[in-house]
Amino acid sequence: RQSRANIGIVPQELNIDAFFTPRETLDMMAGLFGVPK
């Protein structure tokens, strides 16, 4: 888990959630990584 936290990966596939805004998407990802608001 720590090794994955040391890296950010941009995949080749455009795996974007259609019903989230960019702001919500980034906030969601930050929350999943445990970054405080």
ModelCIF file with pLDDT and N, C-alpha, C, O atoms, coordinates in Angstrom:
data_MODEL
#
_entry.id   MODEL 
#
_entity.id                         1 
_entity.type                       polymer 
_entity.pdbx_number_of_molecules   1 
#
_entity_poly.entity_id                      1 
_entity_poly.type                           'polypeptide(L)' 
_entity_poly.nstd_linkage                   no 
_entity_poly.nstd_monomer                   no 
_entity_poly.pdbx_seq_one_letter_code       RQSRANIGIVPQELNIDAFFTPRETLDMMAGLFGVPK 
_entity_poly.pdbx_seq_one_letter_code_can   RQSRANIGIVPQELNIDAFFTPRETLDMMAGLFGVPK 
_entity_poly.pdbx_strand_id                 A 
#
loop_
_entity_poly_seq.entity_id 
_entity_poly_seq.num 
_entity_poly_seq.mon_id 
_entity_poly_seq.hetero 
1 1  ARG n 
1 2  GLN n 
1 3  SER n 
1 4  ARG n 
1 5  ALA n 
1 6  ASN n 
1 7  ILE n 
1 8  GLY n 
1 9  ILE n 
1 10 VAL n 
1 11 PRO n 
1 12 GLN n 
1 13 GLU n 
1 14 LEU n 
1 15 ASN n 
1 16 ILE n 
1 17 ASP n 
1 18 ALA n 
1 19 PHE n 
1 20 PHE n 
1 21 THR n 
1 22 PRO n 
1 23 ARG n 
1 24 GLU n 
1 25 THR n 
1 26 LEU n 
1 27 ASP n 
1 28 MET n 
1 29 MET n 
1 30 ALA n 
1 31 GLY n 
1 32 LEU n 
1 33 PHE n 
1 34 GLY n 
1 35 VAL n 
1 36 PRO n 
1 37 LYS n 
#
_struct_asym.id          A 
_struct_asym.entity_id   1 
#
loop_
_ma_qa_metric.id 
_ma_qa_metric.mode 
_ma_qa_metric.name 
_ma_qa_metric.software_group_id 
_ma_qa_metric.type 
1 global pLDDT . pLDDT 
2 local  pLDDT . pLDDT 
#
_ma_qa_metric_global.metric_id      1 
_ma_qa_metric_global.metric_value   88.14 
_ma_qa_metric_global.model_id       1 
_ma_qa_metric_global.ordinal_id     1 
#
loop_
_ma_qa_metric_local.label_asym_id 
_ma_qa_metric_local.label_comp_id 
_ma_qa_metric_local.label_seq_id 
_ma_qa_metric_local.metric_id 
_ma_qa_metric_local.metric_value 
_ma_qa_metric_local.model_id 
_ma_qa_metric_local.ordinal_id 
A ARG 1  2 87.00 1 1  
A GLN 2  2 88.00 1 2  
A SER 3  2 90.00 1 3  
A ARG 4  2 88.00 1 4  
A ALA 5  2 87.00 1 5  
A ASN 6  2 91.00 1 6  
A ILE 7  2 92.00 1 7  
A GLY 8  2 92.00 1 8  
A ILE 9  2 91.00 1 9  
A VAL 10 2 90.00 1 10 
A PRO 11 2 86.00 1 11 
A GLN 12 2 81.00 1 12 
A GLU 13 2 81.00 1 13 
A LEU 14 2 80.00 1 14 
A ASN 15 2 80.00 1 15 
A ILE 16 2 80.00 1 16 
A ASP 17 2 83.00 1 17 
A ALA 18 2 85.00 1 18 
A PHE 19 2 88.00 1 19 
A PHE 20 2 91.00 1 20 
A THR 21 2 92.00 1 21 
A PRO 22 2 92.00 1 22 
A ARG 23 2 92.00 1 23 
A GLU 24 2 93.00 1 24 
A THR 25 2 92.00 1 25 
A LEU 26 2 93.00 1 26 
A ASP 27 2 92.00 1 27 
A MET 28 2 91.00 1 28 
A MET 29 2 90.00 1 29 
A ALA 30 2 90.00 1 30 
A GLY 31 2 89.00 1 31 
A LEU 32 2 87.00 1 32 
A PHE 33 2 86.00 1 33 
A GLY 34 2 86.00 1 34 
A VAL 35 2 88.00 1 35 
A PRO 36 2 89.00 1 36 
A LYS 37 2 88.00 1 37 
#
loop_
_atom_site.group_PDB 
_atom_site.id 
_atom_site.type_symbol 
_atom_site.label_atom_id 
_atom_site.label_alt_id 
_atom_site.label_comp_id 
_atom_site.label_asym_id 
_atom_site.label_entity_id 
_atom_site.label_seq_id 
_atom_site.pdbx_PDB_ins_code 
_atom_site.Cartn_x 
_atom_site.Cartn_y 
_atom_site.Cartn_z 
_atom_site.occupancy 
_atom_site.B_iso_or_equiv 
_atom_site.pdbx_formal_charge 
_atom_site.auth_seq_id 
_atom_site.auth_comp_id 
_atom_site.auth_asym_id 
_atom_site.auth_atom_id 
_atom_site.pdbx_PDB_model_num 
ATOM 1   N N  . ARG A 1 1  ? 0.823   -1.211 0.000   1.00 87.00 ? 1  ARG A N  1 
ATOM 2   C CA . ARG A 1 1  ? 0.000   0.000  0.000   1.00 87.00 ? 1  ARG A CA 1 
ATOM 3   C C  . ARG A 1 1  ? 0.858   1.263  0.000   1.00 87.00 ? 1  ARG A C  1 
ATOM 4   O O  . ARG A 1 1  ? 0.554   2.234  -0.693  1.00 87.00 ? 1  ARG A O  1 
ATOM 5   N N  . GLN A 1 2  ? 1.936   1.236  0.789   1.00 88.00 ? 2  GLN A N  1 
ATOM 6   C CA . GLN A 1 2  ? 2.801   2.410  0.791   1.00 88.00 ? 2  GLN A CA 1 
ATOM 7   C C  . GLN A 1 2  ? 3.510   2.567  -0.556  1.00 88.00 ? 2  GLN A C  1 
ATOM 8   O O  . GLN A 1 2  ? 3.699   3.687  -1.031  1.00 88.00 ? 2  GLN A O  1 
ATOM 9   N N  . SER A 1 3  ? 3.898   1.463  -1.161  1.00 90.00 ? 3  SER A N  1 
ATOM 10  C CA . SER A 1 3  ? 4.565   1.554  -2.463  1.00 90.00 ? 3  SER A CA 1 
ATOM 11  C C  . SER A 1 3  ? 3.615   2.127  -3.511  1.00 90.00 ? 3  SER A C  1 
ATOM 12  O O  . SER A 1 3  ? 4.041   2.886  -4.381  1.00 90.00 ? 3  SER A O  1 
ATOM 13  N N  . ARG A 1 4  ? 2.336   1.774  -3.435  1.00 88.00 ? 4  ARG A N  1 
ATOM 14  C CA . ARG A 1 4  ? 1.367   2.333  -4.383  1.00 88.00 ? 4  ARG A CA 1 
ATOM 15  C C  . ARG A 1 4  ? 1.100   3.803  -4.093  1.00 88.00 ? 4  ARG A C  1 
ATOM 16  O O  . ARG A 1 4  ? 0.808   4.578  -5.003  1.00 88.00 ? 4  ARG A O  1 
ATOM 17  N N  . ALA A 1 5  ? 1.199   4.181  -2.834  1.00 87.00 ? 5  ALA A N  1 
ATOM 18  C CA . ALA A 1 5  ? 1.019   5.589  -2.490  1.00 87.00 ? 5  ALA A CA 1 
ATOM 19  C C  . ALA A 1 5  ? 2.183   6.434  -2.987  1.00 87.00 ? 5  ALA A C  1 
ATOM 20  O O  . ALA A 1 5  ? 2.058   7.652  -3.114  1.00 87.00 ? 5  ALA A O  1 
ATOM 21  N N  . ASN A 1 6  ? 3.317   5.792  -3.271  1.00 91.00 ? 6  ASN A N  1 
ATOM 22  C CA . ASN A 1 6  ? 4.491   6.509  -3.759  1.00 91.00 ? 6  ASN A CA 1 
ATOM 23  C C  . ASN A 1 6  ? 4.434   6.783  -5.257  1.00 91.00 ? 6  ASN A C  1 
ATOM 24  O O  . ASN A 1 6  ? 5.341   7.405  -5.811  1.00 91.00 ? 6  ASN A O  1 
ATOM 25  N N  . ILE A 1 7  ? 3.384   6.326  -5.907  1.00 92.00 ? 7  ILE A N  1 
ATOM 26  C CA . ILE A 1 7  ? 3.340   6.405  -7.361  1.00 92.00 ? 7  ILE A CA 1 
ATOM 27  C C  . ILE A 1 7  ? 1.956   6.819  -7.827  1.00 92.00 ? 7  ILE A C  1 
ATOM 28  O O  . ILE A 1 7  ? 0.948   6.428  -7.238  1.00 92.00 ? 7  ILE A O  1 
ATOM 29  N N  . GLY A 1 8  ? 1.914   7.608  -8.880  1.00 92.00 ? 8  GLY A N  1 
ATOM 30  C CA . GLY A 1 8  ? 0.658   7.956  -9.527  1.00 92.00 ? 8  GLY A CA 1 
ATOM 31  C C  . GLY A 1 8  ? 0.693   7.434  -10.954 1.00 92.00 ? 8  GLY A C  1 
ATOM 32  O O  . GLY A 1 8  ? 1.658   7.672  -11.679 1.00 92.00 ? 8  GLY A O  1 
ATOM 33  N N  . ILE A 1 9  ? -0.351  6.726  -11.359 1.00 91.00 ? 9  ILE A N  1 
ATOM 34  C CA . ILE A 1 9  ? -0.354  6.090  -12.675 1.00 91.00 ? 9  ILE A CA 1 
ATOM 35  C C  . ILE A 1 9  ? -1.476  6.653  -13.530 1.00 91.00 ? 9  ILE A C  1 
ATOM 36  O O  . ILE A 1 9  ? -2.638  6.673  -13.125 1.00 91.00 ? 9  ILE A O  1 
ATOM 37  N N  . VAL A 1 10 ? -1.109  7.109  -14.720 1.00 90.00 ? 10 VAL A N  1 
ATOM 38  C CA . VAL A 1 10 ? -2.079  7.596  -15.705 1.00 90.00 ? 10 VAL A CA 1 
ATOM 39  C C  . VAL A 1 10 ? -2.264  6.483  -16.736 1.00 90.00 ? 10 VAL A C  1 
ATOM 40  O O  . VAL A 1 10 ? -1.378  6.268  -17.563 1.00 90.00 ? 10 VAL A O  1 
ATOM 41  N N  . PRO A 1 11 ? -3.391  5.774  -16.708 1.00 86.00 ? 11 PRO A N  1 
ATOM 42  C CA . PRO A 1 11 ? -3.567  4.643  -17.620 1.00 86.00 ? 11 PRO A CA 1 
ATOM 43  C C  . PRO A 1 11 ? -3.815  5.097  -19.051 1.00 86.00 ? 11 PRO A C  1 
ATOM 44  O O  . PRO A 1 11 ? -4.139  6.256  -19.311 1.00 86.00 ? 11 PRO A O  1 
ATOM 45  N N  . GLN A 1 12 ? -3.656  4.163  -19.962 1.00 81.00 ? 12 GLN A N  1 
ATOM 46  C CA . GLN A 1 12 ? -3.896  4.468  -21.366 1.00 81.00 ? 12 GLN A CA 1 
ATOM 47  C C  . GLN A 1 12 ? -5.387  4.614  -21.649 1.00 81.00 ? 12 GLN A C  1 
ATOM 48  O O  . GLN A 1 12 ? -5.785  5.402  -22.507 1.00 81.00 ? 12 GLN A O  1 
ATOM 49  N N  . GLU A 1 13 ? -6.213  3.853  -20.926 1.00 81.00 ? 13 GLU A N  1 
ATOM 50  C CA . GLU A 1 13 ? -7.654  3.899  -21.138 1.00 81.00 ? 13 GLU A CA 1 
ATOM 51  C C  . GLU A 1 13 ? -8.247  5.139  -20.480 1.00 81.00 ? 13 GLU A C  1 
ATOM 52  O O  . GLU A 1 13 ? -7.799  5.555  -19.411 1.00 81.00 ? 13 GLU A O  1 
ATOM 53  N N  . LEU A 1 14 ? -9.246  5.722  -21.113 1.00 80.00 ? 14 LEU A N  1 
ATOM 54  C CA . LEU A 1 14 ? -9.924  6.896  -20.561 1.00 80.00 ? 14 LEU A CA 1 
ATOM 55  C C  . LEU A 1 14 ? -11.016 6.437  -19.595 1.00 80.00 ? 14 LEU A C  1 
ATOM 56  O O  . LEU A 1 14 ? -12.200 6.453  -19.930 1.00 80.00 ? 14 LEU A O  1 
ATOM 57  N N  . ASN A 1 15 ? -10.605 6.030  -18.397 1.00 80.00 ? 15 ASN A N  1 
ATOM 58  C CA . ASN A 1 15 ? -11.560 5.511  -17.415 1.00 80.00 ? 15 ASN A CA 1 
ATOM 59  C C  . ASN A 1 15 ? -12.075 6.646  -16.527 1.00 80.00 ? 15 ASN A C  1 
ATOM 60  O O  . ASN A 1 15 ? -11.674 6.797  -15.373 1.00 80.00 ? 15 ASN A O  1 
ATOM 61  N N  . ILE A 1 16 ? -12.972 7.429  -17.109 1.00 80.00 ? 16 ILE A N  1 
ATOM 62  C CA . ILE A 1 16 ? -13.553 8.583  -16.420 1.00 80.00 ? 16 ILE A CA 1 
ATOM 63  C C  . ILE A 1 16 ? -15.009 8.279  -16.084 1.00 80.00 ? 16 ILE A C  1 
ATOM 64  O O  . ILE A 1 16 ? -15.747 7.746  -16.913 1.00 80.00 ? 16 ILE A O  1 
ATOM 65  N N  . ASP A 1 17 ? -15.421 8.624  -14.853 1.00 83.00 ? 17 ASP A N  1 
ATOM 66  C CA . ASP A 1 17 ? -16.801 8.425  -14.437 1.00 83.00 ? 17 ASP A CA 1 
ATOM 67  C C  . ASP A 1 17 ? -17.676 9.526  -15.039 1.00 83.00 ? 17 ASP A C  1 
ATOM 68  O O  . ASP A 1 17 ? -17.484 10.709 -14.757 1.00 83.00 ? 17 ASP A O  1 
ATOM 69  N N  . ALA A 1 18 ? -18.627 9.127  -15.862 1.00 85.00 ? 18 ALA A N  1 
ATOM 70  C CA . ALA A 1 18 ? -19.397 10.082 -16.650 1.00 85.00 ? 18 ALA A CA 1 
ATOM 71  C C  . ALA A 1 18 ? -20.229 11.028 -15.805 1.00 85.00 ? 18 ALA A C  1 
ATOM 72  O O  . ALA A 1 18 ? -20.478 12.159 -16.225 1.00 85.00 ? 18 ALA A O  1 
ATOM 73  N N  . PHE A 1 19 ? -20.675 10.597 -14.608 1.00 88.00 ? 19 PHE A N  1 
ATOM 74  C CA . PHE A 1 19 ? -21.607 11.392 -13.813 1.00 88.00 ? 19 PHE A CA 1 
ATOM 75  C C  . PHE A 1 19 ? -20.930 12.089 -12.634 1.00 88.00 ? 19 PHE A C  1 
ATOM 76  O O  . PHE A 1 19 ? -21.603 12.546 -11.710 1.00 88.00 ? 19 PHE A O  1 
ATOM 77  N N  . PHE A 1 20 ? -19.616 12.168 -12.664 1.00 91.00 ? 20 PHE A N  1 
ATOM 78  C CA . PHE A 1 20 ? -18.870 12.960 -11.695 1.00 91.00 ? 20 PHE A CA 1 
ATOM 79  C C  . PHE A 1 20 ? -18.243 14.139 -12.422 1.00 91.00 ? 20 PHE A C  1 
ATOM 80  O O  . PHE A 1 20 ? -17.805 14.006 -13.564 1.00 91.00 ? 20 PHE A O  1 
ATOM 81  N N  . THR A 1 21 ? -18.199 15.274 -11.773 1.00 92.00 ? 21 THR A N  1 
ATOM 82  C CA . THR A 1 21 ? -17.488 16.415 -12.333 1.00 92.00 ? 21 THR A CA 1 
ATOM 83  C C  . THR A 1 21 ? -15.995 16.228 -12.075 1.00 92.00 ? 21 THR A C  1 
ATOM 84  O O  . THR A 1 21 ? -15.624 15.424 -11.221 1.00 92.00 ? 21 THR A O  1 
ATOM 85  N N  . PRO A 1 22 ? -15.129 16.950 -12.791 1.00 92.00 ? 22 PRO A N  1 
ATOM 86  C CA . PRO A 1 22 ? -13.702 16.865 -12.497 1.00 92.00 ? 22 PRO A CA 1 
ATOM 87  C C  . PRO A 1 22 ? -13.374 17.174 -11.041 1.00 92.00 ? 22 PRO A C  1 
ATOM 88  O O  . PRO A 1 22 ? -12.520 16.518 -10.446 1.00 92.00 ? 22 PRO A O  1 
ATOM 89  N N  . ARG A 1 23 ? -14.046 18.169 -10.463 1.00 92.00 ? 23 ARG A N  1 
ATOM 90  C CA . ARG A 1 23 ? -13.785 18.491 -9.057  1.00 92.00 ? 23 ARG A CA 1 
ATOM 91  C C  . ARG A 1 23 ? -14.167 17.330 -8.144  1.00 92.00 ? 23 ARG A C  1 
ATOM 92  O O  . ARG A 1 23 ? -13.418 16.984 -7.231  1.00 92.00 ? 23 ARG A O  1 
ATOM 93  N N  . GLU A 1 24 ? -15.324 16.731 -8.389  1.00 93.00 ? 24 GLU A N  1 
ATOM 94  C CA . GLU A 1 24 ? -15.761 15.594 -7.578  1.00 93.00 ? 24 GLU A CA 1 
ATOM 95  C C  . GLU A 1 24 ? -14.844 14.391 -7.780  1.00 93.00 ? 24 GLU A C  1 
ATOM 96  O O  . GLU A 1 24 ? -14.557 13.657 -6.835  1.00 93.00 ? 24 GLU A O  1 
ATOM 97  N N  . THR A 1 25 ? -14.389 14.195 -9.005  1.00 92.00 ? 25 THR A N  1 
ATOM 98  C CA . THR A 1 25 ? -13.492 13.079 -9.290  1.00 92.00 ? 25 THR A CA 1 
ATOM 99  C C  . THR A 1 25 ? -12.199 13.204 -8.512  1.00 92.00 ? 25 THR A C  1 
ATOM 100 O O  . THR A 1 25 ? -11.741 12.233 -7.909  1.00 92.00 ? 25 THR A O  1 
ATOM 101 N N  . LEU A 1 26 ? -11.604 14.389 -8.517  1.00 93.00 ? 26 LEU A N  1 
ATOM 102 C CA . LEU A 1 26 ? -10.349 14.591 -7.794  1.00 93.00 ? 26 LEU A CA 1 
ATOM 103 C C  . LEU A 1 26 ? -10.558 14.481 -6.291  1.00 93.00 ? 26 LEU A C  1 
ATOM 104 O O  . LEU A 1 26 ? -9.725  13.907 -5.589  1.00 93.00 ? 26 LEU A O  1 
ATOM 105 N N  . ASP A 1 27 ? -11.667 15.027 -5.790  1.00 92.00 ? 27 ASP A N  1 
ATOM 106 C CA . ASP A 1 27 ? -11.951 14.920 -4.359  1.00 92.00 ? 27 ASP A CA 1 
ATOM 107 C C  . ASP A 1 27 ? -12.151 13.466 -3.946  1.00 92.00 ? 27 ASP A C  1 
ATOM 108 O O  . ASP A 1 27 ? -11.687 13.042 -2.887  1.00 92.00 ? 27 ASP A O  1 
ATOM 109 N N  . MET A 1 28 ? -12.849 12.704 -4.792  1.00 91.00 ? 28 MET A N  1 
ATOM 110 C CA . MET A 1 28 ? -13.075 11.300 -4.493  1.00 91.00 ? 28 MET A CA 1 
ATOM 111 C C  . MET A 1 28 ? -11.759 10.526 -4.438  1.00 91.00 ? 28 MET A C  1 
ATOM 112 O O  . MET A 1 28 ? -11.528 9.745  -3.515  1.00 91.00 ? 28 MET A O  1 
ATOM 113 N N  . MET A 1 29 ? -10.902 10.746 -5.429  1.00 90.00 ? 29 MET A N  1 
ATOM 114 C CA . MET A 1 29 ? -9.620  10.060 -5.453  1.00 90.00 ? 29 MET A CA 1 
ATOM 115 C C  . MET A 1 29 ? -8.759  10.453 -4.258  1.00 90.00 ? 29 MET A C  1 
ATOM 116 O O  . MET A 1 29 ? -8.096  9.603  -3.664  1.00 90.00 ? 29 MET A O  1 
ATOM 117 N N  . ALA A 1 30 ? -8.768  11.734 -3.904  1.00 90.00 ? 30 ALA A N  1 
ATOM 118 C CA . ALA A 1 30 ? -8.003  12.175 -2.737  1.00 90.00 ? 30 ALA A CA 1 
ATOM 119 C C  . ALA A 1 30 ? -8.518  11.507 -1.472  1.00 90.00 ? 30 ALA A C  1 
ATOM 120 O O  . ALA A 1 30 ? -7.733  11.126 -0.603  1.00 90.00 ? 30 ALA A O  1 
ATOM 121 N N  . GLY A 1 31 ? -9.854  11.361 -1.365  1.00 89.00 ? 31 GLY A N  1 
ATOM 122 C CA . GLY A 1 31 ? -10.425 10.690 -0.208  1.00 89.00 ? 31 GLY A CA 1 
ATOM 123 C C  . GLY A 1 31 ? -10.026 9.235  -0.133  1.00 89.00 ? 31 GLY A C  1 
ATOM 124 O O  . GLY A 1 31 ? -9.752  8.716  0.949   1.00 89.00 ? 31 GLY A O  1 
ATOM 125 N N  . LEU A 1 32 ? -9.992  8.563  -1.290  1.00 87.00 ? 32 LEU A N  1 
ATOM 126 C CA . LEU A 1 32 ? -9.608  7.156  -1.305  1.00 87.00 ? 32 LEU A CA 1 
ATOM 127 C C  . LEU A 1 32 ? -8.152  6.962  -0.914  1.00 87.00 ? 32 LEU A C  1 
ATOM 128 O O  . LEU A 1 32 ? -7.784  5.920  -0.370  1.00 87.00 ? 32 LEU A O  1 
ATOM 129 N N  . PHE A 1 33 ? -7.324  7.960  -1.189  1.00 86.00 ? 33 PHE A N  1 
ATOM 130 C CA . PHE A 1 33 ? -5.933  7.903  -0.765  1.00 86.00 ? 33 PHE A CA 1 
ATOM 131 C C  . PHE A 1 33 ? -5.751  8.436  0.658   1.00 86.00 ? 33 PHE A C  1 
ATOM 132 O O  . PHE A 1 33 ? -4.627  8.488  1.156   1.00 86.00 ? 33 PHE A O  1 
ATOM 133 N N  . GLY A 1 34 ? -6.836  8.831  1.313   1.00 86.00 ? 34 GLY A N  1 
ATOM 134 C CA . GLY A 1 34 ? -6.756  9.261  2.700   1.00 86.00 ? 34 GLY A CA 1 
ATOM 135 C C  . GLY A 1 34 ? -6.227  10.656 2.897   1.00 86.00 ? 34 GLY A C  1 
ATOM 136 O O  . GLY A 1 34 ? -5.737  10.983 3.978   1.00 86.00 ? 34 GLY A O  1 
ATOM 137 N N  . VAL A 1 35 ? -6.315  11.494 1.874   1.00 88.00 ? 35 VAL A N  1 
ATOM 138 C CA . VAL A 1 35 ? -5.839  12.869 2.019   1.00 88.00 ? 35 VAL A CA 1 
ATOM 139 C C  . VAL A 1 35 ? -6.912  13.685 2.733   1.00 88.00 ? 35 VAL A C  1 
ATOM 140 O O  . VAL A 1 35 ? -8.023  13.788 2.212   1.00 88.00 ? 35 VAL A O  1 
ATOM 141 N N  . PRO A 1 36 ? -6.641  14.267 3.893   1.00 89.00 ? 36 PRO A N  1 
ATOM 142 C CA . PRO A 1 36 ? -7.650  15.078 4.589   1.00 89.00 ? 36 PRO A CA 1 
ATOM 143 C C  . PRO A 1 36 ? -8.125  16.232 3.718   1.00 89.00 ? 36 PRO A C  1 
ATOM 144 O O  . PRO A 1 36 ? -7.371  16.754 2.897   1.00 89.00 ? 36 PRO A O  1 
ATOM 145 N N  . LYS A 1 37 ? -9.378  16.624 3.902   1.00 88.00 ? 37 LYS A N  1 
ATOM 146 C CA . LYS A 1 37 ? -9.951  17.690 3.075   1.00 88.00 ? 37 LYS A CA 1 
ATOM 147 C C  . LYS A 1 37 ? -9.150  18.978 3.160   1.00 88.00 ? 37 LYS A C  1 
ATOM 148 O O  . LYS A 1 37 ? -9.504  19.969 2.521   1.00 88.00 ? 37 LYS A O  1 
#
